[in-house]
Amino acid sequence: MASIVAGIGASHSIMLMTRVEDWPHFAEVDKVRAKNYFDKAGNPTNYEALVAMAPKGLDEILRPEAIRARYERCQAGLAKLRDAVGRIAPDIIVIVGDDQKEMILEDNLPAFLVYWGKEIYNRPTAKIEPWDWYTAARRRYYDSEPTAYPVAADLGEYLVRAMMDANFDVAQSTCQPKHVGEGEGHAFAFPRAVLMPNKSVPIVPVFINAYYPPNQPSARRCYDFGVALGQAIKSWSKNARVAIIGTGGLSHFCLDEEFDRNLIAAMQHKDQKTIASVPPAKLKSGSGEIRNWIALAGAMESLNLNWSDYVPCYRSLAGTGTGIAFALWE
């Protein structure tokens, strides 16, 4: 029978792909884009409103030496997880992530999807951002040439059947649209680029609709999905050591440090009630990626969260930024 040997949670923020000298430039990005953000209560907002409600002391947090310290702590967190993946050396990695119109488009946007084609392509991105440094950071998610990577298609097909038996009507896919630039989206390209010493370990991509209403699954549904996913993996008849990676989050673009820390604590204590009761207002915009972590926590019923780190990466006087988190279940 298959076994789950590890769970890895990691933010996949663009900040983690950006050089430290460019981190101060995110304040400019947020001034432009804050009109599309939500405040901590989940209400539409703007930059001026966020400045008015921002926590005190951000001027000190945004000093160059403080920014560098957070950057280095993030890099250390990534290194610890990368070393763990190398040490554990799983046979297969199931990656739970979201797609942001990189592979799944408006013609069919399911709440849950399992991809089980024989391979998945990672292709250079053609997207251009208004800022050259931001464009360069985005390109670091992807290979410089189109590359096909193996998928554990037999496990993927089994998971579709098992999840259907568990009353989850998952969508399935065995091929990628050829006209979409990146191939696998950044939620799946990120662990390959940053967390996998062996980039050719077969994966199974599992998609959750984290971003796009109206069919975003609730926290409860994501947690139950994760429980069923873990049980399905362990019921697979083949002898395989499987790791699960969940990527994204935590709170952004209005950083909610208290919420993030409470959620990590709930995962550490296996507090199912708290994890599964996260309200929809806390899962808007980028914070919707917390759904991937919630599903991961559900799949980790048999393992313990032995190590985690949380870095509140503020990037403007408006309190914008990303709650960057790393976690390891073994």
C-alpha atoms as a PDB file:
ATOM      1  CA  MET A   1       0.000   0.000   0.000  1.00  0.00           C
ATOM      2  CA  ALA A   2       1.076   3.599  -0.519  1.00  0.00           C
ATOM      3  CA  SER A   3       2.099   5.689   2.466  1.00  0.00           C
ATOM      4  CA  ILE A   4       2.201   9.418   3.129  1.00  0.00           C
ATOM      5  CA  VAL A   5       5.709  10.214   4.327  1.00  0.00           C
ATOM      6  CA  ALA A   6       5.574  14.002   4.597  1.00  0.00           C
ATOM      7  CA  GLY A   7       3.534  17.138   4.161  1.00  0.00           C
ATOM      8  CA  ILE A   8       5.129  20.394   3.089  1.00  0.00           C
ATOM      9  CA  GLY A   9       3.399  23.765   3.247  1.00  0.00           C
ATOM     10  CA  ALA A  10       5.009  26.766   1.585  1.00  0.00           C
ATOM     11  CA  SER A  11       3.950  30.179   0.400  1.00  0.00           C
ATOM     12  CA  HIS A  12       4.719  30.692  -3.278  1.00  0.00           C
ATOM     13  CA  SER A  13       4.668  34.499  -3.228  1.00  0.00           C
ATOM     14  CA  ILE A  14       6.369  36.478  -5.996  1.00  0.00           C
ATOM     15  CA  MET A  15       8.385  37.967  -3.128  1.00  0.00           C
ATOM     16  CA  LEU A  16      10.187  34.626  -2.841  1.00  0.00           C
ATOM     17  CA  MET A  17      11.284  34.873  -6.476  1.00  0.00           C
ATOM     18  CA  THR A  18      12.422  38.501  -6.199  1.00  0.00           C
ATOM     19  CA  ARG A  19      15.901  39.791  -5.350  1.00  0.00           C
ATOM     20  CA  VAL A  20      16.216  41.441  -1.946  1.00  0.00           C
ATOM     21  CA  GLU A  21      17.185  44.759  -3.521  1.00  0.00           C
ATOM     22  CA  ASP A  22      13.823  44.803  -5.308  1.00  0.00           C
ATOM     23  CA  TRP A  23      11.650  44.165  -2.243  1.00  0.00           C
ATOM     24  CA  PRO A  24      11.239  47.903  -1.475  1.00  0.00           C
ATOM     25  CA  HIS A  25       9.710  48.353  -4.947  1.00  0.00           C
ATOM     26  CA  PHE A  26       6.632  46.351  -3.908  1.00  0.00           C
ATOM     27  CA  ALA A  27       5.315  49.488  -2.205  1.00  0.00           C
ATOM     28  CA  GLU A  28       4.902  51.023  -5.657  1.00  0.00           C
ATOM     29  CA  VAL A  29       3.074  47.917  -6.872  1.00  0.00           C
ATOM     30  CA  ASP A  30       0.643  48.072  -3.965  1.00  0.00           C
ATOM     31  CA  LYS A  31      -0.082  51.772  -4.443  1.00  0.00           C
ATOM     32  CA  VAL A  32      -1.179  50.969  -7.986  1.00  0.00           C
ATOM     33  CA  ARG A  33      -3.040  47.735  -7.289  1.00  0.00           C
ATOM     34  CA  ALA A  34      -4.581  48.328  -3.849  1.00  0.00           C
ATOM     35  CA  LYS A  35      -7.882  49.301  -5.474  1.00  0.00           C
ATOM     36  CA  ASN A  36      -8.258  45.580  -6.187  1.00  0.00           C
ATOM     37  CA  TYR A  37      -7.396  44.464  -2.640  1.00  0.00           C
ATOM     38  CA  PHE A  38      -9.598  43.589   0.343  1.00  0.00           C
ATOM     39  CA  ASP A  39      -9.098  44.671   3.951  1.00  0.00           C
ATOM     40  CA  LYS A  40      -8.852  42.241   6.880  1.00  0.00           C
ATOM     41  CA  ALA A  41     -12.636  42.034   7.111  1.00  0.00           C
ATOM     42  CA  GLY A  42     -12.907  41.100   3.431  1.00  0.00           C
ATOM     43  CA  ASN A  43     -14.246  44.479   2.268  1.00  0.00           C
ATOM     44  CA  PRO A  44     -13.081  46.208  -0.931  1.00  0.00           C
ATOM     45  CA  THR A  45     -10.563  48.912  -0.113  1.00  0.00           C
ATOM     46  CA  ASN A  46      -7.910  51.269  -1.494  1.00  0.00           C
ATOM     47  CA  TYR A  47      -4.411  52.326  -0.540  1.00  0.00           C
ATOM     48  CA  GLU A  48      -5.455  55.378   1.486  1.00  0.00           C
ATOM     49  CA  ALA A  49      -7.959  53.373   3.533  1.00  0.00           C
ATOM     50  CA  LEU A  50      -5.343  50.724   4.265  1.00  0.00           C
ATOM     51  CA  VAL A  51      -2.863  53.368   5.410  1.00  0.00           C
ATOM     52  CA  ALA A  52      -5.460  54.700   7.860  1.00  0.00           C
ATOM     53  CA  MET A  53      -5.949  51.279   9.486  1.00  0.00           C
ATOM     54  CA  ALA A  54      -2.359  49.994   9.201  1.00  0.00           C
ATOM     55  CA  PRO A  55      -0.528  48.786  12.315  1.00  0.00           C
ATOM     56  CA  LYS A  56       1.932  51.155  13.958  1.00  0.00           C
ATOM     57  CA  GLY A  57       5.682  50.824  13.587  1.00  0.00           C
ATOM     58  CA  LEU A  58       5.763  49.897   9.922  1.00  0.00           C
ATOM     59  CA  ASP A  59       8.356  52.574   9.199  1.00  0.00           C
ATOM     60  CA  GLU A  60      10.842  50.575  11.296  1.00  0.00           C
ATOM     61  CA  ILE A  61       9.791  47.285   9.716  1.00  0.00           C
ATOM     62  CA  LEU A  62      10.421  48.773   6.260  1.00  0.00           C
ATOM     63  CA  ARG A  63      13.987  49.849   7.002  1.00  0.00           C
ATOM     64  CA  PRO A  64      16.534  48.189   4.642  1.00  0.00           C
ATOM     65  CA  GLU A  65      18.140  46.074   7.356  1.00  0.00           C
ATOM     66  CA  ALA A  66      14.750  44.800   8.536  1.00  0.00           C
ATOM     67  CA  ILE A  67      13.754  43.933   4.973  1.00  0.00           C
ATOM     68  CA  ARG A  68      16.996  42.013   4.469  1.00  0.00           C
ATOM     69  CA  ALA A  69      16.459  40.093   7.705  1.00  0.00           C
ATOM     70  CA  ARG A  70      12.995  38.961   6.544  1.00  0.00           C
ATOM     71  CA  TYR A  71      14.337  38.058   3.106  1.00  0.00           C
ATOM     72  CA  GLU A  72      17.104  35.927   4.603  1.00  0.00           C
ATOM     73  CA  ARG A  73      14.679  34.226   6.967  1.00  0.00           C
ATOM     74  CA  CYS A  74      12.456  33.333   4.018  1.00  0.00           C
ATOM     75  CA  GLN A  75      15.404  31.902   2.116  1.00  0.00           C
ATOM     76  CA  ALA A  76      16.358  29.854   5.176  1.00  0.00           C
ATOM     77  CA  GLY A  77      12.799  28.495   5.374  1.00  0.00           C
ATOM     78  CA  LEU A  78      12.892  27.467   1.730  1.00  0.00           C
ATOM     79  CA  ALA A  79      16.287  25.817   2.229  1.00  0.00           C
ATOM     80  CA  LYS A  80      14.998  23.816   5.202  1.00  0.00           C
ATOM     81  CA  LEU A  81      12.056  22.501   3.225  1.00  0.00           C
ATOM     82  CA  ARG A  82      14.228  21.768   0.181  1.00  0.00           C
ATOM     83  CA  ASP A  83      16.646  19.806   2.373  1.00  0.00           C
ATOM     84  CA  ALA A  84      13.706  17.922   3.889  1.00  0.00           C
ATOM     85  CA  VAL A  85      12.371  16.914   0.473  1.00  0.00           C
ATOM     86  CA  GLY A  86      15.857  15.723  -0.485  1.00  0.00           C
ATOM     87  CA  ARG A  87      16.247  13.760   2.746  1.00  0.00           C
ATOM     88  CA  ILE A  88      12.788  12.177   2.565  1.00  0.00           C
ATOM     89  CA  ALA A  89      13.167  11.395  -1.169  1.00  0.00           C
ATOM     90  CA  PRO A  90       9.514  10.559  -1.904  1.00  0.00           C
ATOM     91  CA  ASP A  91       8.655   8.379  -4.879  1.00  0.00           C
ATOM     92  CA  ILE A  92       5.746  10.667  -5.833  1.00  0.00           C
ATOM     93  CA  ILE A  93       4.759  14.202  -4.855  1.00  0.00           C
ATOM     94  CA  VAL A  94       1.102  15.262  -4.863  1.00  0.00           C
ATOM     95  CA  ILE A  95       0.975  19.049  -5.233  1.00  0.00           C
ATOM     96  CA  VAL A  96      -2.143  20.881  -4.060  1.00  0.00           C
ATOM     97  CA  GLY A  97      -2.329  24.335  -5.603  1.00  0.00           C
ATOM     98  CA  ASP A  98      -4.483  26.822  -7.468  1.00  0.00           C
ATOM     99  CA  ASP A  99      -4.489  28.066 -11.029  1.00  0.00           C
ATOM    100  CA  GLN A 100      -4.699  31.734 -11.967  1.00  0.00           C
ATOM    101  CA  LYS A 101      -5.723  31.416 -15.609  1.00  0.00           C
ATOM    102  CA  GLU A 102      -2.400  29.800 -16.422  1.00  0.00           C
ATOM    103  CA  MET A 103      -3.782  26.407 -17.459  1.00  0.00           C
ATOM    104  CA  ILE A 104      -7.483  26.499 -16.526  1.00  0.00           C
ATOM    105  CA  LEU A 105      -9.576  29.187 -18.205  1.00  0.00           C
ATOM    106  CA  GLU A 106     -13.134  30.504 -18.001  1.00  0.00           C
ATOM    107  CA  ASP A 107     -14.494  27.877 -20.394  1.00  0.00           C
ATOM    108  CA  ASN A 108     -14.362  25.331 -17.548  1.00  0.00           C
ATOM    109  CA  LEU A 109     -13.312  26.357 -14.049  1.00  0.00           C
ATOM    110  CA  PRO A 110     -13.986  23.508 -11.571  1.00  0.00           C
ATOM    111  CA  ALA A 111     -13.837  23.711  -7.788  1.00  0.00           C
ATOM    112  CA  PHE A 112     -11.533  20.650  -7.670  1.00  0.00           C
ATOM    113  CA  LEU A 113      -9.523  18.999 -10.442  1.00  0.00           C
ATOM    114  CA  VAL A 114      -6.959  16.196 -10.639  1.00  0.00           C
ATOM    115  CA  TYR A 115      -4.542  16.203 -13.574  1.00  0.00           C
ATOM    116  CA  TRP A 116      -3.364  12.751 -14.630  1.00  0.00           C
ATOM    117  CA  GLY A 117      -1.778  13.106 -18.044  1.00  0.00           C
ATOM    118  CA  LYS A 118       1.469  11.202 -18.510  1.00  0.00           C
ATOM    119  CA  GLU A 119       3.456  14.437 -18.412  1.00  0.00           C
ATOM    120  CA  ILE A 120       3.016  18.098 -17.653  1.00  0.00           C
ATOM    121  CA  TYR A 121       4.793  20.930 -19.440  1.00  0.00           C
ATOM    122  CA  ASN A 122       6.576  23.808 -17.789  1.00  0.00           C
ATOM    123  CA  ARG A 123       7.051  26.611 -20.311  1.00  0.00           C
ATOM    124  CA  PRO A 124       8.603  30.084 -20.146  1.00  0.00           C
ATOM    125  CA  THR A 125       6.089  32.777 -19.340  1.00  0.00           C
ATOM    126  CA  ALA A 126       5.278  35.446 -21.894  1.00  0.00           C
ATOM    127  CA  LYS A 127       3.595  37.743 -19.380  1.00  0.00           C
ATOM    128  CA  ILE A 128       4.991  41.260 -19.104  1.00  0.00           C
ATOM    129  CA  GLU A 129       4.495  43.307 -15.946  1.00  0.00           C
ATOM    130  CA  PRO A 130       4.635  47.136 -15.776  1.00  0.00           C
ATOM    131  CA  TRP A 131       7.919  46.820 -13.871  1.00  0.00           C
ATOM    132  CA  ASP A 132      10.979  45.081 -15.389  1.00  0.00           C
ATOM    133  CA  TRP A 133      12.145  43.677 -12.042  1.00  0.00           C
ATOM    134  CA  TYR A 134       8.681  42.164 -11.478  1.00  0.00           C
ATOM    135  CA  THR A 135       8.716  40.565 -14.936  1.00  0.00           C
ATOM    136  CA  ALA A 136      12.134  39.075 -14.191  1.00  0.00           C
ATOM    137  CA  ALA A 137      10.894  37.680 -10.866  1.00  0.00           C
ATOM    138  CA  ARG A 138       7.855  36.073 -12.495  1.00  0.00           C
ATOM    139  CA  ARG A 139      10.066  34.338 -15.044  1.00  0.00           C
ATOM    140  CA  ARG A 140      12.003  32.613 -12.268  1.00  0.00           C
ATOM    141  CA  TYR A 141       9.062  30.298 -11.633  1.00  0.00           C
ATOM    142  CA  TYR A 142       9.507  28.698 -15.042  1.00  0.00           C
ATOM    143  CA  ASP A 143      12.119  26.894 -17.105  1.00  0.00           C
ATOM    144  CA  SER A 144      13.970  28.793 -19.829  1.00  0.00           C
ATOM    145  CA  GLU A 145      12.882  26.176 -22.392  1.00  0.00           C
ATOM    146  CA  PRO A 146       9.658  24.136 -22.595  1.00  0.00           C
ATOM    147  CA  THR A 147      10.191  20.998 -20.544  1.00  0.00           C
ATOM    148  CA  ALA A 148       7.974  17.967 -20.052  1.00  0.00           C
ATOM    149  CA  TYR A 149       8.010  16.503 -16.546  1.00  0.00           C
ATOM    150  CA  PRO A 150       6.579  13.132 -15.485  1.00  0.00           C
ATOM    151  CA  VAL A 151       3.199  12.737 -13.846  1.00  0.00           C
ATOM    152  CA  ALA A 152       2.272   9.712 -11.732  1.00  0.00           C
ATOM    153  CA  ALA A 153      -0.687   9.137 -14.023  1.00  0.00           C
ATOM    154  CA  ASP A 154      -1.672   5.826 -12.430  1.00  0.00           C
ATOM    155  CA  LEU A 155      -1.991   7.441  -9.007  1.00  0.00           C
ATOM    156  CA  GLY A 156      -3.784  10.425 -10.542  1.00  0.00           C
ATOM    157  CA  GLU A 157      -6.397   8.224 -12.207  1.00  0.00           C
ATOM    158  CA  TYR A 158      -6.852   6.291  -8.980  1.00  0.00           C
ATOM    159  CA  LEU A 159      -7.361   9.506  -7.016  1.00  0.00           C
ATOM    160  CA  VAL A 160     -10.108  10.625  -9.393  1.00  0.00           C
ATOM    161  CA  ARG A 161     -11.982   7.370  -8.847  1.00  0.00           C
ATOM    162  CA  ALA A 162     -11.363   7.339  -5.090  1.00  0.00           C
ATOM    163  CA  MET A 163     -12.441  10.945  -4.624  1.00  0.00           C
ATOM    164  CA  MET A 164     -15.619  10.255  -6.594  1.00  0.00           C
ATOM    165  CA  ASP A 165     -16.302   7.321  -4.263  1.00  0.00           C
ATOM    166  CA  ALA A 166     -15.786   9.749  -1.367  1.00  0.00           C
ATOM    167  CA  ASN A 167     -18.563  11.986  -2.778  1.00  0.00           C
ATOM    168  CA  PHE A 168     -16.273  14.641  -4.269  1.00  0.00           C
ATOM    169  CA  ASP A 169     -17.257  15.311  -7.872  1.00  0.00           C
ATOM    170  CA  VAL A 170     -13.741  16.157  -9.014  1.00  0.00           C
ATOM    171  CA  ALA A 171     -13.005  17.255 -12.536  1.00  0.00           C
ATOM    172  CA  GLN A 172     -10.212  15.493 -14.370  1.00  0.00           C
ATOM    173  CA  SER A 173      -7.753  16.422 -17.098  1.00  0.00           C
ATOM    174  CA  THR A 174      -5.137  14.484 -19.058  1.00  0.00           C
ATOM    175  CA  CYS A 175      -3.827  17.225 -21.341  1.00  0.00           C
ATOM    176  CA  GLN A 176      -2.866  20.889 -21.199  1.00  0.00           C
ATOM    177  CA  PRO A 177      -4.152  23.603 -23.519  1.00  0.00           C
ATOM    178  CA  LYS A 178      -1.365  24.265 -25.993  1.00  0.00           C
ATOM    179  CA  HIS A 179      -2.198  27.963 -26.388  1.00  0.00           C
ATOM    180  CA  VAL A 180      -1.666  28.862 -22.722  1.00  0.00           C
ATOM    181  CA  GLY A 181       1.806  30.199 -22.056  1.00  0.00           C
ATOM    182  CA  GLU A 182       3.205  28.726 -18.850  1.00  0.00           C
ATOM    183  CA  GLY A 183       1.847  25.209 -18.982  1.00  0.00           C
ATOM    184  CA  GLU A 184       1.777  24.269 -15.301  1.00  0.00           C
ATOM    185  CA  GLY A 185       0.855  27.332 -13.266  1.00  0.00           C
ATOM    186  CA  HIS A 186       3.121  28.999 -10.738  1.00  0.00           C
ATOM    187  CA  ALA A 187       1.587  27.142  -7.776  1.00  0.00           C
ATOM    188  CA  PHE A 188       3.000  23.950  -9.301  1.00  0.00           C
ATOM    189  CA  ALA A 189       6.085  25.414 -10.953  1.00  0.00           C
ATOM    190  CA  PHE A 190       7.197  26.962  -7.650  1.00  0.00           C
ATOM    191  CA  PRO A 191       7.854  23.715  -5.732  1.00  0.00           C
ATOM    192  CA  ARG A 192       9.636  22.283  -8.747  1.00  0.00           C
ATOM    193  CA  ALA A 193      11.867  25.340  -9.055  1.00  0.00           C
ATOM    194  CA  VAL A 194      12.530  25.891  -5.347  1.00  0.00           C
ATOM    195  CA  LEU A 195      11.643  22.861  -3.203  1.00  0.00           C
ATOM    196  CA  MET A 196      12.485  19.780  -5.293  1.00  0.00           C
ATOM    197  CA  PRO A 197      16.205  18.871  -5.512  1.00  0.00           C
ATOM    198  CA  ASN A 198      15.156  16.212  -8.021  1.00  0.00           C
ATOM    199  CA  LYS A 199      12.887  18.115 -10.376  1.00  0.00           C
ATOM    200  CA  SER A 200      11.874  14.933 -12.214  1.00  0.00           C
ATOM    201  CA  VAL A 201      10.123  13.185  -9.322  1.00  0.00           C
ATOM    202  CA  PRO A 202       6.683  12.266 -10.703  1.00  0.00           C
ATOM    203  CA  ILE A 203       3.936  14.536  -9.431  1.00  0.00           C
ATOM    204  CA  VAL A 204       0.149  14.566  -9.326  1.00  0.00           C
ATOM    205  CA  PRO A 205      -1.260  18.116  -9.627  1.00  0.00           C
ATOM    206  CA  VAL A 206      -4.447  18.667  -7.618  1.00  0.00           C
ATOM    207  CA  PHE A 207      -6.188  21.977  -8.298  1.00  0.00           C
ATOM    208  CA  ILE A 208      -8.452  23.936  -5.958  1.00  0.00           C
ATOM    209  CA  ASN A 209     -10.311  26.996  -7.213  1.00  0.00           C
ATOM    210  CA  ALA A 210      -8.883  29.479  -4.734  1.00  0.00           C
ATOM    211  CA  TYR A 211      -9.488  32.716  -6.626  1.00  0.00           C
ATOM    212  CA  TYR A 212     -12.553  32.832  -8.773  1.00  0.00           C
ATOM    213  CA  PRO A 213     -16.165  33.095  -7.548  1.00  0.00           C
ATOM    214  CA  PRO A 214     -18.796  31.807  -7.446  1.00  0.00           C
ATOM    215  CA  ASN A 215     -17.640  28.180  -7.026  1.00  0.00           C
ATOM    216  CA  GLN A 216     -14.780  28.555  -4.565  1.00  0.00           C
ATOM    217  CA  PRO A 217     -15.065  25.749  -1.998  1.00  0.00           C
ATOM    218  CA  SER A 218     -15.540  26.625   1.666  1.00  0.00           C
ATOM    219  CA  ALA A 219     -12.882  26.004   4.310  1.00  0.00           C
ATOM    220  CA  ARG A 220     -14.920  23.036   5.566  1.00  0.00           C
ATOM    221  CA  ARG A 221     -15.136  21.566   2.077  1.00  0.00           C
ATOM    222  CA  CYS A 222     -11.390  22.030   1.532  1.00  0.00           C
ATOM    223  CA  TYR A 223     -10.554  20.361   4.838  1.00  0.00           C
ATOM    224  CA  ASP A 224     -12.834  17.417   4.098  1.00  0.00           C
ATOM    225  CA  PHE A 225     -11.357  17.207   0.606  1.00  0.00           C
ATOM    226  CA  GLY A 226      -7.897  16.984   2.149  1.00  0.00           C
ATOM    227  CA  VAL A 227      -9.004  14.225   4.538  1.00  0.00           C
ATOM    228  CA  ALA A 228     -10.446  12.237   1.621  1.00  0.00           C
ATOM    229  CA  LEU A 229      -7.321  12.884  -0.467  1.00  0.00           C
ATOM    230  CA  GLY A 230      -5.052  11.545   2.274  1.00  0.00           C
ATOM    231  CA  GLN A 231      -7.223   8.475   2.744  1.00  0.00           C
ATOM    232  CA  ALA A 232      -7.293   7.858  -1.002  1.00  0.00           C
ATOM    233  CA  ILE A 233      -3.510   8.008  -1.280  1.00  0.00           C
ATOM    234  CA  LYS A 234      -3.081   5.546   1.574  1.00  0.00           C
ATOM    235  CA  SER A 235      -5.601   3.154   0.010  1.00  0.00           C
ATOM    236  CA  TRP A 236      -3.675   2.932  -3.294  1.00  0.00           C
ATOM    237  CA  SER A 237      -2.467  -0.630  -3.736  1.00  0.00           C
ATOM    238  CA  LYS A 238       0.977   0.223  -5.091  1.00  0.00           C
ATOM    239  CA  ASN A 239       3.972   0.427  -2.774  1.00  0.00           C
ATOM    240  CA  ALA A 240       4.920   4.103  -3.001  1.00  0.00           C
ATOM    241  CA  ARG A 241       6.169   6.732  -0.580  1.00  0.00           C
ATOM    242  CA  VAL A 242       4.119   9.872  -1.255  1.00  0.00           C
ATOM    243  CA  ALA A 243       4.690  13.432  -0.071  1.00  0.00           C
ATOM    244  CA  ILE A 244       2.046  16.145  -0.327  1.00  0.00           C
ATOM    245  CA  ILE A 245       3.012  19.763  -0.977  1.00  0.00           C
ATOM    246  CA  GLY A 246       0.481  22.566  -0.500  1.00  0.00           C
ATOM    247  CA  THR A 247       1.477  25.993  -1.803  1.00  0.00           C
ATOM    248  CA  GLY A 248       0.210  29.565  -1.603  1.00  0.00           C
ATOM    249  CA  GLY A 249      -0.927  32.084   0.975  1.00  0.00           C
ATOM    250  CA  LEU A 250      -1.029  32.999   3.661  1.00  0.00           C
ATOM    251  CA  SER A 251      -2.877  36.325   4.022  1.00  0.00           C
ATOM    252  CA  HIS A 252      -2.296  38.834   1.246  1.00  0.00           C
ATOM    253  CA  PHE A 253      -2.403  41.471   0.008  1.00  0.00           C
ATOM    254  CA  CYS A 254      -3.602  43.065   3.225  1.00  0.00           C
ATOM    255  CA  LEU A 255      -1.424  41.160   5.668  1.00  0.00           C
ATOM    256  CA  ASP A 256      -3.289  39.772   8.701  1.00  0.00           C
ATOM    257  CA  GLU A 257      -0.578  38.590  11.057  1.00  0.00           C
ATOM    258  CA  GLU A 258      -2.855  37.542  13.909  1.00  0.00           C
ATOM    259  CA  PHE A 259      -5.064  35.453  11.653  1.00  0.00           C
ATOM    260  CA  ASP A 260      -2.081  33.729  10.036  1.00  0.00           C
ATOM    261  CA  ARG A 261      -0.434  32.849  13.331  1.00  0.00           C
ATOM    262  CA  ASN A 262      -3.689  31.489  14.763  1.00  0.00           C
ATOM    263  CA  LEU A 263      -4.205  29.327  11.693  1.00  0.00           C
ATOM    264  CA  ILE A 264      -0.706  27.832  11.895  1.00  0.00           C
ATOM    265  CA  ALA A 265      -1.234  27.126  15.598  1.00  0.00           C
ATOM    266  CA  ALA A 266      -4.527  25.386  14.790  1.00  0.00           C
ATOM    267  CA  MET A 267      -2.742  23.198  12.245  1.00  0.00           C
ATOM    268  CA  GLN A 268      -0.033  22.350  14.749  1.00  0.00           C
ATOM    269  CA  HIS A 269      -2.632  21.328  17.336  1.00  0.00           C
ATOM    270  CA  LYS A 270      -4.836  19.565  14.763  1.00  0.00           C
ATOM    271  CA  ASP A 271      -7.689  21.866  15.703  1.00  0.00           C
ATOM    272  CA  GLN A 272     -10.049  20.761  12.967  1.00  0.00           C
ATOM    273  CA  LYS A 273     -12.866  23.038  14.124  1.00  0.00           C
ATOM    274  CA  THR A 274     -10.788  26.210  13.824  1.00  0.00           C
ATOM    275  CA  ILE A 275      -9.189  25.212  10.512  1.00  0.00           C
ATOM    276  CA  ALA A 276     -12.470  24.226   8.889  1.00  0.00           C
ATOM    277  CA  SER A 277     -14.400  27.267  10.114  1.00  0.00           C
ATOM    278  CA  VAL A 278     -12.324  29.976   8.421  1.00  0.00           C
ATOM    279  CA  PRO A 279     -14.968  32.381   7.070  1.00  0.00           C
ATOM    280  CA  PRO A 280     -15.213  33.175   3.349  1.00  0.00           C
ATOM    281  CA  ALA A 281     -14.327  36.817   4.067  1.00  0.00           C
ATOM    282  CA  LYS A 282     -10.822  35.654   5.007  1.00  0.00           C
ATOM    283  CA  LEU A 283     -10.412  33.754   1.740  1.00  0.00           C
ATOM    284  CA  LYS A 284     -10.659  36.512  -0.836  1.00  0.00           C
ATOM    285  CA  SER A 285      -8.129  37.476  -3.507  1.00  0.00           C
ATOM    286  CA  GLY A 286      -4.647  36.129  -2.721  1.00  0.00           C
ATOM    287  CA  SER A 287      -5.745  34.934   0.688  1.00  0.00           C
ATOM    288  CA  GLY A 288      -7.916  32.406  -1.132  1.00  0.00           C
ATOM    289  CA  GLU A 289      -4.778  30.298  -1.502  1.00  0.00           C
ATOM    290  CA  ILE A 290      -5.123  29.439   2.176  1.00  0.00           C
ATOM    291  CA  ARG A 291      -7.571  26.829   0.873  1.00  0.00           C
ATOM    292  CA  ASN A 292      -4.552  24.824  -0.341  1.00  0.00           C
ATOM    293  CA  TRP A 293      -3.106  24.818   3.182  1.00  0.00           C
ATOM    294  CA  ILE A 294      -6.462  23.834   4.672  1.00  0.00           C
ATOM    295  CA  ALA A 295      -6.674  20.833   2.333  1.00  0.00           C
ATOM    296  CA  LEU A 296      -3.084  19.909   3.202  1.00  0.00           C
ATOM    297  CA  ALA A 297      -3.905  20.050   6.913  1.00  0.00           C
ATOM    298  CA  GLY A 298      -6.839  17.700   6.314  1.00  0.00           C
ATOM    299  CA  ALA A 299      -4.576  15.226   4.551  1.00  0.00           C
ATOM    300  CA  MET A 300      -2.108  15.289   7.461  1.00  0.00           C
ATOM    301  CA  GLU A 301      -4.308  13.556  10.011  1.00  0.00           C
ATOM    302  CA  SER A 302      -1.697  10.818  10.571  1.00  0.00           C
ATOM    303  CA  LEU A 303       1.366  13.102  10.709  1.00  0.00           C
ATOM    304  CA  ASN A 304       2.458  15.883  13.035  1.00  0.00           C
ATOM    305  CA  LEU A 305       3.439  19.440  12.147  1.00  0.00           C
ATOM    306  CA  ASN A 306       6.950  19.224  13.600  1.00  0.00           C
ATOM    307  CA  TRP A 307       8.383  22.488  12.297  1.00  0.00           C
ATOM    308  CA  SER A 308       7.047  25.769  10.965  1.00  0.00           C
ATOM    309  CA  ASP A 309       8.131  29.349  10.511  1.00  0.00           C
ATOM    310  CA  TYR A 310       6.098  32.442   9.769  1.00  0.00           C
ATOM    311  CA  VAL A 311       7.493  35.675   8.331  1.00  0.00           C
ATOM    312  CA  PRO A 312       5.113  38.658   8.120  1.00  0.00           C
ATOM    313  CA  CYS A 313       6.540  40.318   5.018  1.00  0.00           C
ATOM    314  CA  TYR A 314       5.113  43.828   5.155  1.00  0.00           C
ATOM    315  CA  ARG A 315       6.031  45.889   2.131  1.00  0.00           C
ATOM    316  CA  SER A 316       4.333  49.280   2.474  1.00  0.00           C
ATOM    317  CA  LEU A 317       3.095  51.770   5.044  1.00  0.00           C
ATOM    318  CA  ALA A 318      -0.417  50.565   4.210  1.00  0.00           C
ATOM    319  CA  GLY A 319       0.298  47.199   5.835  1.00  0.00           C
ATOM    320  CA  THR A 320       0.233  45.434   2.495  1.00  0.00           C
ATOM    321  CA  GLY A 321       2.372  42.377   1.955  1.00  0.00           C
ATOM    322  CA  THR A 322       2.255  38.612   2.344  1.00  0.00           C
ATOM    323  CA  GLY A 323       2.207  36.373   5.379  1.00  0.00           C
ATOM    324  CA  ILE A 324       4.876  33.935   4.231  1.00  0.00           C
ATOM    325  CA  ALA A 325       4.810  30.550   5.931  1.00  0.00           C
ATOM    326  CA  PHE A 326       6.724  27.288   5.834  1.00  0.00           C
ATOM    327  CA  ALA A 327       5.699  24.024   7.494  1.00  0.00           C
ATOM    328  CA  LEU A 328       6.802  20.418   7.626  1.00  0.00           C
ATOM    329  CA  TRP A 329       4.671  17.453   8.687  1.00  0.00           C
ATOM    330  CA  GLU A 330       6.390  14.119   9.295  1.00  0.00           C
END
